[in-house]
Amino acid sequence: MEEAASRRRFARAAWVNVLGNAAKILVEGAVGLLFGSVALVADAAHSIADLIASLVVLLWGGSRFDDPDIDHPHGHARIEPLTALFVGAVIVLLGANLLYESVLGLVESPTITFSPYMIAALLFAMADMYLVYWYTERTNADIGSTALDALAVDCLNDLYTSVAALVGVAGIAFGYPVLDAVAGGVVSLLVVYQGISIARENLTYLSGKAAPGHRREDVRRTLLDHDEVHGVHDLAVFWDGSVLEVEAHVEVDGDLTLRQAHDLETRLVTSAQTLDDVRDVHIHLDPSGVGEWKDTQESLSTPAVTESNAGEFEFDARPPGPARPSEDRES
């Protein structure tokens, strides 16, 4: 029931972004074309990319709530950053085109007629985007969607681009129409930067990059917090889409029965999954004090630990025997 409610809130937030961007495009685009303002047309065109982004999130982003199936045994977490990556690429291409149009505006110096409707259109756009931003942020506070987060950041950036466009329109009003093309260029550069930022962030989720060090340390401490655990090694915490996946070898008493080991593994997995963003947890139980198969390989096949690569290895093994107090085990 909670997941179904989250899915409905996600869809509503996506729809609010679609409608909010559509309203901005109609108002700014009509006024900009009517009076020949490059800045207004550029800002409205920026929102075309935002509208596409909102539609993509609406159509694809909701897949994050789908359960794992035979074709996607680990769930659909990667679909959401994939949609955001597509959005980023569209924004970059559109921003480059807008920059080209702004340069033409500087070279050709087209005639622009000032009208108070330009100011009114920009003020409407700023109020519109702020309300969409506020609603998206408020909705996403409990959902934690990377796609909605990208849309919220995009709305906030729209406020900045509208301010730049407002400077251009003010230049027209005071007899400096060149400022309109300059403002259009600034807006275009902001659009390109926004698209690149969104793409880079979501490439992190898609490439399986390791989580930040403090997130990895949180997982390690959570596992070591169990009295039955003597040590943790070969710990990997990495992004699988917009969620974290954990793999770890945990050292325990080798005399545990199979049922005891199974129950302990269940407790370890459950405790790790209480951490933020952690979903899949894969635990391998090792008898403490017993070397692993890879330690029996010939030394020539094992990379040497040098000063340059020491950070790639983790030596967190504990001696066999009963668990020691947590202070000693975490040192």
C-alpha atoms as a PDB file:
ATOM      1  CA  MET A   1       0.000   0.000   0.000  1.00  0.00           C
ATOM      2  CA  GLU A   2       2.812   2.406   0.858  1.00  0.00           C
ATOM      3  CA  GLU A   3       4.567   1.687  -2.444  1.00  0.00           C
ATOM      4  CA  ALA A   4       1.319   2.207  -4.356  1.00  0.00           C
ATOM      5  CA  ALA A   5       0.843   5.568  -2.629  1.00  0.00           C
ATOM      6  CA  SER A   6       4.414   6.558  -3.499  1.00  0.00           C
ATOM      7  CA  ARG A   7       3.800   5.639  -7.111  1.00  0.00           C
ATOM      8  CA  ARG A   8       0.698   7.848  -7.227  1.00  0.00           C
ATOM      9  CA  ARG A   9       2.596  10.781  -5.682  1.00  0.00           C
ATOM     10  CA  PHE A  10       5.411  10.229  -8.189  1.00  0.00           C
ATOM     11  CA  ALA A  11       2.943  10.344 -11.086  1.00  0.00           C
ATOM     12  CA  ARG A  12       1.276  13.497  -9.752  1.00  0.00           C
ATOM     13  CA  ALA A  13       4.616  15.271  -9.393  1.00  0.00           C
ATOM     14  CA  ALA A  14       5.562  14.280 -12.954  1.00  0.00           C
ATOM     15  CA  TRP A  15       2.227  15.566 -14.241  1.00  0.00           C
ATOM     16  CA  VAL A  16       2.694  18.870 -12.399  1.00  0.00           C
ATOM     17  CA  ASN A  17       6.059  19.268 -14.152  1.00  0.00           C
ATOM     18  CA  VAL A  18       4.514  18.466 -17.538  1.00  0.00           C
ATOM     19  CA  LEU A  19       1.697  20.988 -17.123  1.00  0.00           C
ATOM     20  CA  GLY A  20       3.901  23.656 -15.536  1.00  0.00           C
ATOM     21  CA  ASN A  21       6.438  23.510 -18.365  1.00  0.00           C
ATOM     22  CA  ALA A  22       3.687  23.479 -20.996  1.00  0.00           C
ATOM     23  CA  ALA A  23       2.188  26.660 -19.517  1.00  0.00           C
ATOM     24  CA  LYS A  24       5.581  28.378 -19.476  1.00  0.00           C
ATOM     25  CA  ILE A  25       6.272  27.425 -23.104  1.00  0.00           C
ATOM     26  CA  LEU A  26       2.932  28.789 -24.313  1.00  0.00           C
ATOM     27  CA  VAL A  27       3.210  32.119 -22.493  1.00  0.00           C
ATOM     28  CA  GLU A  28       6.908  32.874 -23.046  1.00  0.00           C
ATOM     29  CA  GLY A  29       7.007  31.459 -26.552  1.00  0.00           C
ATOM     30  CA  ALA A  30       4.005  33.465 -27.733  1.00  0.00           C
ATOM     31  CA  VAL A  31       5.288  36.746 -26.281  1.00  0.00           C
ATOM     32  CA  GLY A  32       8.867  36.150 -27.439  1.00  0.00           C
ATOM     33  CA  LEU A  33       7.838  35.396 -31.028  1.00  0.00           C
ATOM     34  CA  LEU A  34       5.380  38.280 -31.101  1.00  0.00           C
ATOM     35  CA  PHE A  35       7.971  40.881 -30.102  1.00  0.00           C
ATOM     36  CA  GLY A  36      11.122  39.200 -31.449  1.00  0.00           C
ATOM     37  CA  SER A  37      12.889  38.574 -28.119  1.00  0.00           C
ATOM     38  CA  VAL A  38      15.719  36.032 -28.421  1.00  0.00           C
ATOM     39  CA  ALA A  39      15.950  35.748 -24.630  1.00  0.00           C
ATOM     40  CA  LEU A  40      12.280  34.872 -24.215  1.00  0.00           C
ATOM     41  CA  VAL A  41      12.324  32.400 -27.089  1.00  0.00           C
ATOM     42  CA  ALA A  42      15.465  30.797 -25.667  1.00  0.00           C
ATOM     43  CA  ASP A  43      13.927  30.488 -22.217  1.00  0.00           C
ATOM     44  CA  ALA A  44      10.739  29.024 -23.696  1.00  0.00           C
ATOM     45  CA  ALA A  45      12.762  26.605 -25.830  1.00  0.00           C
ATOM     46  CA  HIS A  46      14.662  25.556 -22.722  1.00  0.00           C
ATOM     47  CA  SER A  47      11.336  24.523 -21.269  1.00  0.00           C
ATOM     48  CA  ILE A  48      10.675  22.350 -24.323  1.00  0.00           C
ATOM     49  CA  ALA A  49      13.561  20.201 -23.141  1.00  0.00           C
ATOM     50  CA  ASP A  50      12.096  20.336 -19.638  1.00  0.00           C
ATOM     51  CA  LEU A  51       8.739  19.233 -21.012  1.00  0.00           C
ATOM     52  CA  ILE A  52      10.365  16.289 -22.792  1.00  0.00           C
ATOM     53  CA  ALA A  53      12.184  15.441 -19.582  1.00  0.00           C
ATOM     54  CA  SER A  54       8.953  15.532 -17.605  1.00  0.00           C
ATOM     55  CA  LEU A  55       7.192  13.298 -20.133  1.00  0.00           C
ATOM     56  CA  VAL A  56      10.052  10.791 -20.097  1.00  0.00           C
ATOM     57  CA  VAL A  57       9.985  10.678 -16.309  1.00  0.00           C
ATOM     58  CA  LEU A  58       6.208  10.296 -16.340  1.00  0.00           C
ATOM     59  CA  LEU A  59       6.285   7.427 -18.845  1.00  0.00           C
ATOM     60  CA  TRP A  60       9.436   5.582 -17.767  1.00  0.00           C
ATOM     61  CA  GLY A  61      10.397   6.801 -14.316  1.00  0.00           C
ATOM     62  CA  GLY A  62       7.540   5.000 -12.606  1.00  0.00           C
ATOM     63  CA  SER A  63       9.195   1.687 -13.504  1.00  0.00           C
ATOM     64  CA  ARG A  64      11.338   2.083 -10.387  1.00  0.00           C
ATOM     65  CA  PHE A  65       8.306   0.849  -8.429  1.00  0.00           C
ATOM     66  CA  ASP A  66       7.908  -2.342 -10.474  1.00  0.00           C
ATOM     67  CA  ASP A  67       8.811  -5.594  -8.742  1.00  0.00           C
ATOM     68  CA  PRO A  68      11.695  -7.767  -9.992  1.00  0.00           C
ATOM     69  CA  ASP A  69      10.696 -10.153 -12.754  1.00  0.00           C
ATOM     70  CA  ILE A  70      12.270 -12.878 -14.859  1.00  0.00           C
ATOM     71  CA  ASP A  71      13.788 -10.321 -17.256  1.00  0.00           C
ATOM     72  CA  HIS A  72      14.946  -7.958 -14.501  1.00  0.00           C
ATOM     73  CA  PRO A  73      15.798 -10.129 -11.471  1.00  0.00           C
ATOM     74  CA  HIS A  74      17.390  -7.186  -9.638  1.00  0.00           C
ATOM     75  CA  GLY A  75      14.421  -4.907 -10.240  1.00  0.00           C
ATOM     76  CA  HIS A  76      14.127  -1.849 -12.474  1.00  0.00           C
ATOM     77  CA  ALA A  77      16.272   0.643 -10.562  1.00  0.00           C
ATOM     78  CA  ARG A  78      18.462   1.396 -13.586  1.00  0.00           C
ATOM     79  CA  ILE A  79      15.553   2.566 -15.744  1.00  0.00           C
ATOM     80  CA  GLU A  80      15.162   5.771 -13.756  1.00  0.00           C
ATOM     81  CA  PRO A  81      18.753   7.057 -14.199  1.00  0.00           C
ATOM     82  CA  LEU A  82      18.580   5.902 -17.827  1.00  0.00           C
ATOM     83  CA  THR A  83      15.632   8.230 -18.395  1.00  0.00           C
ATOM     84  CA  ALA A  84      17.500  11.044 -16.663  1.00  0.00           C
ATOM     85  CA  LEU A  85      20.549  10.387 -18.876  1.00  0.00           C
ATOM     86  CA  PHE A  86      18.343  10.698 -21.953  1.00  0.00           C
ATOM     87  CA  VAL A  87      16.967  13.947 -20.589  1.00  0.00           C
ATOM     88  CA  GLY A  88      20.483  15.296 -20.064  1.00  0.00           C
ATOM     89  CA  ALA A  89      21.459  14.496 -23.666  1.00  0.00           C
ATOM     90  CA  VAL A  90      18.370  16.265 -25.037  1.00  0.00           C
ATOM     91  CA  ILE A  91      19.070  19.328 -22.909  1.00  0.00           C
ATOM     92  CA  VAL A  92      22.686  19.558 -24.129  1.00  0.00           C
ATOM     93  CA  LEU A  93      21.653  19.382 -27.798  1.00  0.00           C
ATOM     94  CA  LEU A  94      18.939  21.970 -27.345  1.00  0.00           C
ATOM     95  CA  GLY A  95      21.273  24.275 -25.414  1.00  0.00           C
ATOM     96  CA  ALA A  96      23.844  24.116 -28.222  1.00  0.00           C
ATOM     97  CA  ASN A  97      21.188  25.085 -30.738  1.00  0.00           C
ATOM     98  CA  LEU A  98      20.042  27.983 -28.569  1.00  0.00           C
ATOM     99  CA  LEU A  99      23.624  29.203 -28.292  1.00  0.00           C
ATOM    100  CA  TYR A 100      23.859  29.213 -32.082  1.00  0.00           C
ATOM    101  CA  GLU A 101      20.669  31.261 -32.333  1.00  0.00           C
ATOM    102  CA  SER A 102      21.991  33.737 -29.760  1.00  0.00           C
ATOM    103  CA  VAL A 103      25.219  34.215 -31.713  1.00  0.00           C
ATOM    104  CA  LEU A 104      23.142  34.915 -34.823  1.00  0.00           C
ATOM    105  CA  GLY A 105      21.237  37.492 -32.813  1.00  0.00           C
ATOM    106  CA  LEU A 106      24.483  39.257 -31.931  1.00  0.00           C
ATOM    107  CA  VAL A 107      25.716  39.221 -35.541  1.00  0.00           C
ATOM    108  CA  GLU A 108      22.485  40.184 -37.294  1.00  0.00           C
ATOM    109  CA  SER A 109      21.157  42.616 -34.632  1.00  0.00           C
ATOM    110  CA  PRO A 110      17.460  42.010 -35.313  1.00  0.00           C
ATOM    111  CA  THR A 111      14.893  44.683 -34.523  1.00  0.00           C
ATOM    112  CA  ILE A 112      13.184  44.062 -31.173  1.00  0.00           C
ATOM    113  CA  THR A 113      10.150  45.921 -29.879  1.00  0.00           C
ATOM    114  CA  PHE A 114       9.861  46.280 -26.124  1.00  0.00           C
ATOM    115  CA  SER A 115       6.543  45.557 -24.471  1.00  0.00           C
ATOM    116  CA  PRO A 116       5.476  45.280 -20.829  1.00  0.00           C
ATOM    117  CA  TYR A 117       4.071  41.888 -21.814  1.00  0.00           C
ATOM    118  CA  MET A 118       7.668  40.638 -21.922  1.00  0.00           C
ATOM    119  CA  ILE A 119       8.128  41.465 -18.253  1.00  0.00           C
ATOM    120  CA  ALA A 120       4.748  39.959 -17.409  1.00  0.00           C
ATOM    121  CA  ALA A 121       5.592  36.744 -19.283  1.00  0.00           C
ATOM    122  CA  LEU A 122       8.887  36.347 -17.428  1.00  0.00           C
ATOM    123  CA  LEU A 123       7.303  37.022 -14.041  1.00  0.00           C
ATOM    124  CA  PHE A 124       4.655  34.407 -14.821  1.00  0.00           C
ATOM    125  CA  ALA A 125       7.368  31.938 -15.824  1.00  0.00           C
ATOM    126  CA  MET A 126       9.315  32.527 -12.595  1.00  0.00           C
ATOM    127  CA  ALA A 127       6.226  32.099 -10.408  1.00  0.00           C
ATOM    128  CA  ASP A 128       5.179  29.016 -12.387  1.00  0.00           C
ATOM    129  CA  MET A 129       8.571  27.308 -12.041  1.00  0.00           C
ATOM    130  CA  TYR A 130       8.876  28.114  -8.355  1.00  0.00           C
ATOM    131  CA  LEU A 131       5.512  26.507  -7.605  1.00  0.00           C
ATOM    132  CA  VAL A 132       6.445  23.415  -9.637  1.00  0.00           C
ATOM    133  CA  TYR A 133       9.821  23.260  -7.861  1.00  0.00           C
ATOM    134  CA  TRP A 134       8.180  23.565  -4.436  1.00  0.00           C
ATOM    135  CA  TYR A 135       5.629  20.841  -5.155  1.00  0.00           C
ATOM    136  CA  THR A 136       8.225  18.459  -6.638  1.00  0.00           C
ATOM    137  CA  GLU A 137      10.623  18.894  -3.723  1.00  0.00           C
ATOM    138  CA  ARG A 138       7.853  18.416  -1.172  1.00  0.00           C
ATOM    139  CA  THR A 139       6.595  15.274  -2.907  1.00  0.00           C
ATOM    140  CA  ASN A 140      10.055  13.790  -3.373  1.00  0.00           C
ATOM    141  CA  ALA A 141      11.031  14.272   0.274  1.00  0.00           C
ATOM    142  CA  ASP A 142       9.539  10.862   1.108  1.00  0.00           C
ATOM    143  CA  ILE A 143      10.064   9.146  -2.254  1.00  0.00           C
ATOM    144  CA  GLY A 144      13.755   9.847  -2.846  1.00  0.00           C
ATOM    145  CA  SER A 145      13.525   9.618  -6.650  1.00  0.00           C
ATOM    146  CA  THR A 146      16.611  10.675  -8.636  1.00  0.00           C
ATOM    147  CA  ALA A 147      14.363  11.492 -11.606  1.00  0.00           C
ATOM    148  CA  LEU A 148      12.141  13.816  -9.565  1.00  0.00           C
ATOM    149  CA  ASP A 149      15.234  15.316  -7.988  1.00  0.00           C
ATOM    150  CA  ALA A 150      16.567  16.102 -11.471  1.00  0.00           C
ATOM    151  CA  LEU A 151      13.248  17.731 -12.390  1.00  0.00           C
ATOM    152  CA  ALA A 152      13.314  19.822  -9.217  1.00  0.00           C
ATOM    153  CA  VAL A 153      16.856  21.017  -9.933  1.00  0.00           C
ATOM    154  CA  ASP A 154      15.769  21.805 -13.471  1.00  0.00           C
ATOM    155  CA  CYS A 155      12.904  23.943 -12.169  1.00  0.00           C
ATOM    156  CA  LEU A 156      15.297  25.839  -9.922  1.00  0.00           C
ATOM    157  CA  ASN A 157      17.638  26.420 -12.843  1.00  0.00           C
ATOM    158  CA  ASP A 158      14.684  27.762 -14.815  1.00  0.00           C
ATOM    159  CA  LEU A 159      14.391  30.553 -12.268  1.00  0.00           C
ATOM    160  CA  TYR A 160      17.998  31.552 -12.955  1.00  0.00           C
ATOM    161  CA  THR A 161      17.559  31.451 -16.729  1.00  0.00           C
ATOM    162  CA  SER A 162      14.425  33.568 -16.449  1.00  0.00           C
ATOM    163  CA  VAL A 163      16.365  36.148 -14.447  1.00  0.00           C
ATOM    164  CA  ALA A 164      18.974  36.233 -17.236  1.00  0.00           C
ATOM    165  CA  ALA A 165      16.189  36.693 -19.774  1.00  0.00           C
ATOM    166  CA  LEU A 166      14.757  39.485 -17.622  1.00  0.00           C
ATOM    167  CA  VAL A 167      18.097  41.308 -17.864  1.00  0.00           C
ATOM    168  CA  GLY A 168      17.930  41.009 -21.643  1.00  0.00           C
ATOM    169  CA  VAL A 169      14.409  42.417 -21.759  1.00  0.00           C
ATOM    170  CA  ALA A 170      15.471  45.269 -19.485  1.00  0.00           C
ATOM    171  CA  GLY A 171      18.240  46.019 -21.988  1.00  0.00           C
ATOM    172  CA  ILE A 172      15.627  46.323 -24.727  1.00  0.00           C
ATOM    173  CA  ALA A 173      13.591  48.693 -22.589  1.00  0.00           C
ATOM    174  CA  PHE A 174      16.586  50.983 -21.962  1.00  0.00           C
ATOM    175  CA  GLY A 175      17.789  51.013 -25.561  1.00  0.00           C
ATOM    176  CA  TYR A 176      20.413  48.246 -25.443  1.00  0.00           C
ATOM    177  CA  PRO A 177      18.833  45.426 -27.484  1.00  0.00           C
ATOM    178  CA  VAL A 178      22.188  43.640 -27.715  1.00  0.00           C
ATOM    179  CA  LEU A 179      21.667  42.594 -24.096  1.00  0.00           C
ATOM    180  CA  ASP A 180      18.776  40.426 -25.255  1.00  0.00           C
ATOM    181  CA  ALA A 181      21.061  38.263 -27.409  1.00  0.00           C
ATOM    182  CA  VAL A 182      23.703  38.228 -24.651  1.00  0.00           C
ATOM    183  CA  ALA A 183      21.094  37.052 -22.164  1.00  0.00           C
ATOM    184  CA  GLY A 184      19.992  34.392 -24.639  1.00  0.00           C
ATOM    185  CA  GLY A 185      23.604  33.183 -24.851  1.00  0.00           C
ATOM    186  CA  VAL A 186      23.888  33.041 -21.057  1.00  0.00           C
ATOM    187  CA  VAL A 187      20.664  31.040 -20.873  1.00  0.00           C
ATOM    188  CA  SER A 188      21.992  28.657 -23.534  1.00  0.00           C
ATOM    189  CA  LEU A 189      25.229  28.047 -21.641  1.00  0.00           C
ATOM    190  CA  LEU A 190      23.264  27.351 -18.472  1.00  0.00           C
ATOM    191  CA  VAL A 191      21.132  24.873 -20.396  1.00  0.00           C
ATOM    192  CA  VAL A 192      24.218  23.025 -21.687  1.00  0.00           C
ATOM    193  CA  TYR A 193      25.780  22.980 -18.221  1.00  0.00           C
ATOM    194  CA  GLN A 194      22.577  21.626 -16.734  1.00  0.00           C
ATOM    195  CA  GLY A 195      22.382  18.833 -19.286  1.00  0.00           C
ATOM    196  CA  ILE A 196      26.002  17.802 -18.733  1.00  0.00           C
ATOM    197  CA  SER A 197      25.535  17.809 -14.946  1.00  0.00           C
ATOM    198  CA  ILE A 198      22.454  15.597 -15.148  1.00  0.00           C
ATOM    199  CA  ALA A 199      24.198  13.192 -17.537  1.00  0.00           C
ATOM    200  CA  ARG A 200      27.338  12.918 -15.380  1.00  0.00           C
ATOM    201  CA  GLU A 201      25.366  12.250 -12.218  1.00  0.00           C
ATOM    202  CA  ASN A 202      23.291   9.494 -13.759  1.00  0.00           C
ATOM    203  CA  LEU A 203      26.269   7.884 -15.469  1.00  0.00           C
ATOM    204  CA  THR A 204      27.484   7.252 -11.932  1.00  0.00           C
ATOM    205  CA  TYR A 205      24.345   5.245 -11.211  1.00  0.00           C
ATOM    206  CA  LEU A 206      24.486   3.332 -14.486  1.00  0.00           C
ATOM    207  CA  SER A 207      28.196   2.469 -14.423  1.00  0.00           C
ATOM    208  CA  GLY A 208      28.100   0.702 -11.055  1.00  0.00           C
ATOM    209  CA  LYS A 209      30.461   3.197  -9.436  1.00  0.00           C
ATOM    210  CA  ALA A 210      31.486   2.555  -5.833  1.00  0.00           C
ATOM    211  CA  ALA A 211      29.564   4.409  -3.148  1.00  0.00           C
ATOM    212  CA  PRO A 212      31.292   7.207  -1.203  1.00  0.00           C
ATOM    213  CA  GLY A 213      33.660   6.060   1.543  1.00  0.00           C
ATOM    214  CA  HIS A 214      31.355   7.043   4.391  1.00  0.00           C
ATOM    215  CA  ARG A 215      28.506   4.946   2.953  1.00  0.00           C
ATOM    216  CA  ARG A 216      30.829   1.948   2.737  1.00  0.00           C
ATOM    217  CA  GLU A 217      31.953   2.527   6.315  1.00  0.00           C
ATOM    218  CA  ASP A 218      28.325   2.632   7.491  1.00  0.00           C
ATOM    219  CA  VAL A 219      27.772  -0.812   5.978  1.00  0.00           C
ATOM    220  CA  ARG A 220      30.956  -2.203   7.514  1.00  0.00           C
ATOM    221  CA  ARG A 221      30.060  -0.942  10.994  1.00  0.00           C
ATOM    222  CA  THR A 222      26.518  -2.269  10.683  1.00  0.00           C
ATOM    223  CA  LEU A 223      27.833  -5.749   9.931  1.00  0.00           C
ATOM    224  CA  LEU A 224      30.456  -5.607  12.682  1.00  0.00           C
ATOM    225  CA  ASP A 225      27.824  -4.529  15.174  1.00  0.00           C
ATOM    226  CA  HIS A 226      26.643  -8.144  15.421  1.00  0.00           C
ATOM    227  CA  ASP A 227      28.308 -10.025  18.281  1.00  0.00           C
ATOM    228  CA  GLU A 228      28.721 -13.166  16.172  1.00  0.00           C
ATOM    229  CA  VAL A 229      30.800 -11.342  13.553  1.00  0.00           C
ATOM    230  CA  HIS A 230      34.591 -11.546  13.943  1.00  0.00           C
ATOM    231  CA  GLY A 231      35.556  -9.589  10.853  1.00  0.00           C
ATOM    232  CA  VAL A 232      34.525  -8.251   7.456  1.00  0.00           C
ATOM    233  CA  HIS A 233      36.566  -8.313   4.250  1.00  0.00           C
ATOM    234  CA  ASP A 234      36.103  -8.036   0.476  1.00  0.00           C
ATOM    235  CA  LEU A 235      33.386  -5.469   1.120  1.00  0.00           C
ATOM    236  CA  ALA A 236      31.933  -3.833  -1.994  1.00  0.00           C
ATOM    237  CA  VAL A 237      29.230  -1.153  -1.897  1.00  0.00           C
ATOM    238  CA  PHE A 238      28.278   0.147  -5.327  1.00  0.00           C
ATOM    239  CA  TRP A 239      25.444   1.775  -7.243  1.00  0.00           C
ATOM    240  CA  ASP A 240      22.996  -0.432  -9.109  1.00  0.00           C
ATOM    241  CA  GLY A 241      20.828   2.202 -10.717  1.00  0.00           C
ATOM    242  CA  SER A 242      19.663   4.615  -8.039  1.00  0.00           C
ATOM    243  CA  VAL A 243      20.085   2.106  -5.176  1.00  0.00           C
ATOM    244  CA  LEU A 244      23.095   0.580  -3.466  1.00  0.00           C
ATOM    245  CA  GLU A 245      24.111  -3.064  -3.701  1.00  0.00           C
ATOM    246  CA  VAL A 246      26.327  -4.688  -1.057  1.00  0.00           C
ATOM    247  CA  GLU A 247      28.656  -7.669  -1.321  1.00  0.00           C
ATOM    248  CA  ALA A 248      30.696  -8.789   1.694  1.00  0.00           C
ATOM    249  CA  HIS A 249      32.567 -11.729   3.198  1.00  0.00           C
ATOM    250  CA  VAL A 250      31.809 -11.970   6.913  1.00  0.00           C
ATOM    251  CA  GLU A 251      33.953 -14.013   9.306  1.00  0.00           C
ATOM    252  CA  VAL A 252      32.100 -16.039  11.930  1.00  0.00           C
ATOM    253  CA  ASP A 253      32.644 -19.014  14.218  1.00  0.00           C
ATOM    254  CA  GLY A 254      33.329 -22.036  12.027  1.00  0.00           C
ATOM    255  CA  ASP A 255      31.460 -24.341  14.419  1.00  0.00           C
ATOM    256  CA  LEU A 256      28.068 -22.759  13.729  1.00  0.00           C
ATOM    257  CA  THR A 257      25.439 -25.191  12.499  1.00  0.00           C
ATOM    258  CA  LEU A 258      23.999 -24.665   9.052  1.00  0.00           C
ATOM    259  CA  ARG A 259      20.733 -23.375  10.556  1.00  0.00           C
ATOM    260  CA  GLN A 260      22.582 -20.984  12.867  1.00  0.00           C
ATOM    261  CA  ALA A 261      24.637 -19.674   9.938  1.00  0.00           C
ATOM    262  CA  HIS A 262      21.478 -19.216   7.892  1.00  0.00           C
ATOM    263  CA  ASP A 263      19.737 -17.270  10.664  1.00  0.00           C
ATOM    264  CA  LEU A 264      22.808 -15.080  11.170  1.00  0.00           C
ATOM    265  CA  GLU A 265      23.058 -14.329   7.468  1.00  0.00           C
ATOM    266  CA  THR A 266      19.389 -13.314   7.467  1.00  0.00           C
ATOM    267  CA  ARG A 267      19.979 -10.902  10.363  1.00  0.00           C
ATOM    268  CA  LEU A 268      23.030  -9.409   8.634  1.00  0.00           C
ATOM    269  CA  VAL A 269      21.163  -8.849   5.375  1.00  0.00           C
ATOM    270  CA  THR A 270      18.174  -7.327   7.155  1.00  0.00           C
ATOM    271  CA  SER A 271      20.293  -4.938   9.211  1.00  0.00           C
ATOM    272  CA  ALA A 272      22.258  -3.746   6.155  1.00  0.00           C
ATOM    273  CA  GLN A 273      19.035  -3.111   4.253  1.00  0.00           C
ATOM    274  CA  THR A 274      17.922  -0.636   6.924  1.00  0.00           C
ATOM    275  CA  LEU A 275      20.621   1.773   5.689  1.00  0.00           C
ATOM    276  CA  ASP A 276      19.613   4.490   3.253  1.00  0.00           C
ATOM    277  CA  ASP A 277      19.468   3.433  -0.422  1.00  0.00           C
ATOM    278  CA  VAL A 278      20.679  -0.127   0.292  1.00  0.00           C
ATOM    279  CA  ARG A 279      18.608  -2.759  -1.481  1.00  0.00           C
ATOM    280  CA  ASP A 280      20.346  -6.009  -2.483  1.00  0.00           C
ATOM    281  CA  VAL A 281      22.771  -7.455   0.081  1.00  0.00           C
ATOM    282  CA  HIS A 282      24.874 -10.533  -0.652  1.00  0.00           C
ATOM    283  CA  ILE A 283      26.684 -12.048   2.334  1.00  0.00           C
ATOM    284  CA  HIS A 284      29.230 -14.867   2.196  1.00  0.00           C
ATOM    285  CA  LEU A 285      30.019 -16.409   5.587  1.00  0.00           C
ATOM    286  CA  ASP A 286      33.630 -17.494   6.183  1.00  0.00           C
ATOM    287  CA  PRO A 287      35.004 -19.471   9.159  1.00  0.00           C
ATOM    288  CA  SER A 288      37.214 -16.985  10.979  1.00  0.00           C
ATOM    289  CA  GLY A 289      40.927 -17.700  10.799  1.00  0.00           C
ATOM    290  CA  VAL A 290      40.647 -19.866   7.680  1.00  0.00           C
ATOM    291  CA  GLY A 291      42.158 -18.607   4.450  1.00  0.00           C
ATOM    292  CA  GLU A 292      40.086 -18.361   1.300  1.00  0.00           C
ATOM    293  CA  TRP A 293      40.567 -20.103  -2.026  1.00  0.00           C
ATOM    294  CA  LYS A 294      42.193 -17.053  -3.573  1.00  0.00           C
ATOM    295  CA  ASP A 295      44.822 -17.037  -0.823  1.00  0.00           C
ATOM    296  CA  THR A 296      46.030 -20.459  -1.964  1.00  0.00           C
ATOM    297  CA  GLN A 297      46.895 -19.299  -5.471  1.00  0.00           C
ATOM    298  CA  GLU A 298      50.507 -18.953  -6.450  1.00  0.00           C
ATOM    299  CA  SER A 299      52.032 -15.713  -5.306  1.00  0.00           C
ATOM    300  CA  LEU A 300      52.899 -14.780  -8.876  1.00  0.00           C
ATOM    301  CA  SER A 301      49.200 -14.611  -9.750  1.00  0.00           C
ATOM    302  CA  THR A 302      48.441 -12.351  -6.799  1.00  0.00           C
ATOM    303  CA  PRO A 303      49.200  -8.619  -7.262  1.00  0.00           C
ATOM    304  CA  ALA A 304      51.722  -7.277  -4.820  1.00  0.00           C
ATOM    305  CA  VAL A 305      50.608  -4.747  -2.265  1.00  0.00           C
ATOM    306  CA  THR A 306      52.558  -1.582  -2.920  1.00  0.00           C
ATOM    307  CA  GLU A 307      52.287   1.950  -1.676  1.00  0.00           C
ATOM    308  CA  SER A 308      50.427   2.911  -4.847  1.00  0.00           C
ATOM    309  CA  ASN A 309      47.764   0.193  -4.668  1.00  0.00           C
ATOM    310  CA  ALA A 310      47.467  -0.448  -0.944  1.00  0.00           C
ATOM    311  CA  GLY A 311      44.135   1.344  -0.871  1.00  0.00           C
ATOM    312  CA  GLU A 312      42.666  -1.319  -3.133  1.00  0.00           C
ATOM    313  CA  PHE A 313      43.095  -4.028  -0.465  1.00  0.00           C
ATOM    314  CA  GLU A 314      41.245  -4.352   2.816  1.00  0.00           C
ATOM    315  CA  PHE A 315      42.704  -6.261   5.742  1.00  0.00           C
ATOM    316  CA  ASP A 316      39.952  -6.448   8.314  1.00  0.00           C
ATOM    317  CA  ALA A 317      40.235 -10.059   9.381  1.00  0.00           C
ATOM    318  CA  ARG A 318      39.763 -11.073  13.013  1.00  0.00           C
ATOM    319  CA  PRO A 319      41.442 -13.968  14.815  1.00  0.00           C
ATOM    320  CA  PRO A 320      39.306 -17.067  15.412  1.00  0.00           C
ATOM    321  CA  GLY A 321      37.455 -17.508  18.665  1.00  0.00           C
ATOM    322  CA  PRO A 322      34.571 -15.777  20.393  1.00  0.00           C
ATOM    323  CA  ALA A 323      33.676 -12.245  19.416  1.00  0.00           C
ATOM    324  CA  ARG A 324      35.459  -9.524  21.310  1.00  0.00           C
ATOM    325  CA  PRO A 325      33.899  -6.297  22.617  1.00  0.00           C
ATOM    326  CA  SER A 326      32.739  -3.979  19.822  1.00  0.00           C
ATOM    327  CA  GLU A 327      35.431  -1.433  20.649  1.00  0.00           C
ATOM    328  CA  ASP A 328      38.152  -3.954  19.840  1.00  0.00           C
ATOM    329  CA  ARG A 329      36.398  -5.375  16.806  1.00  0.00           C
ATOM    330  CA  GLU A 330      36.079  -1.966  15.153  1.00  0.00           C
ATOM    331  CA  SER A 331      39.613  -0.834  15.765  1.00  0.00           C
END
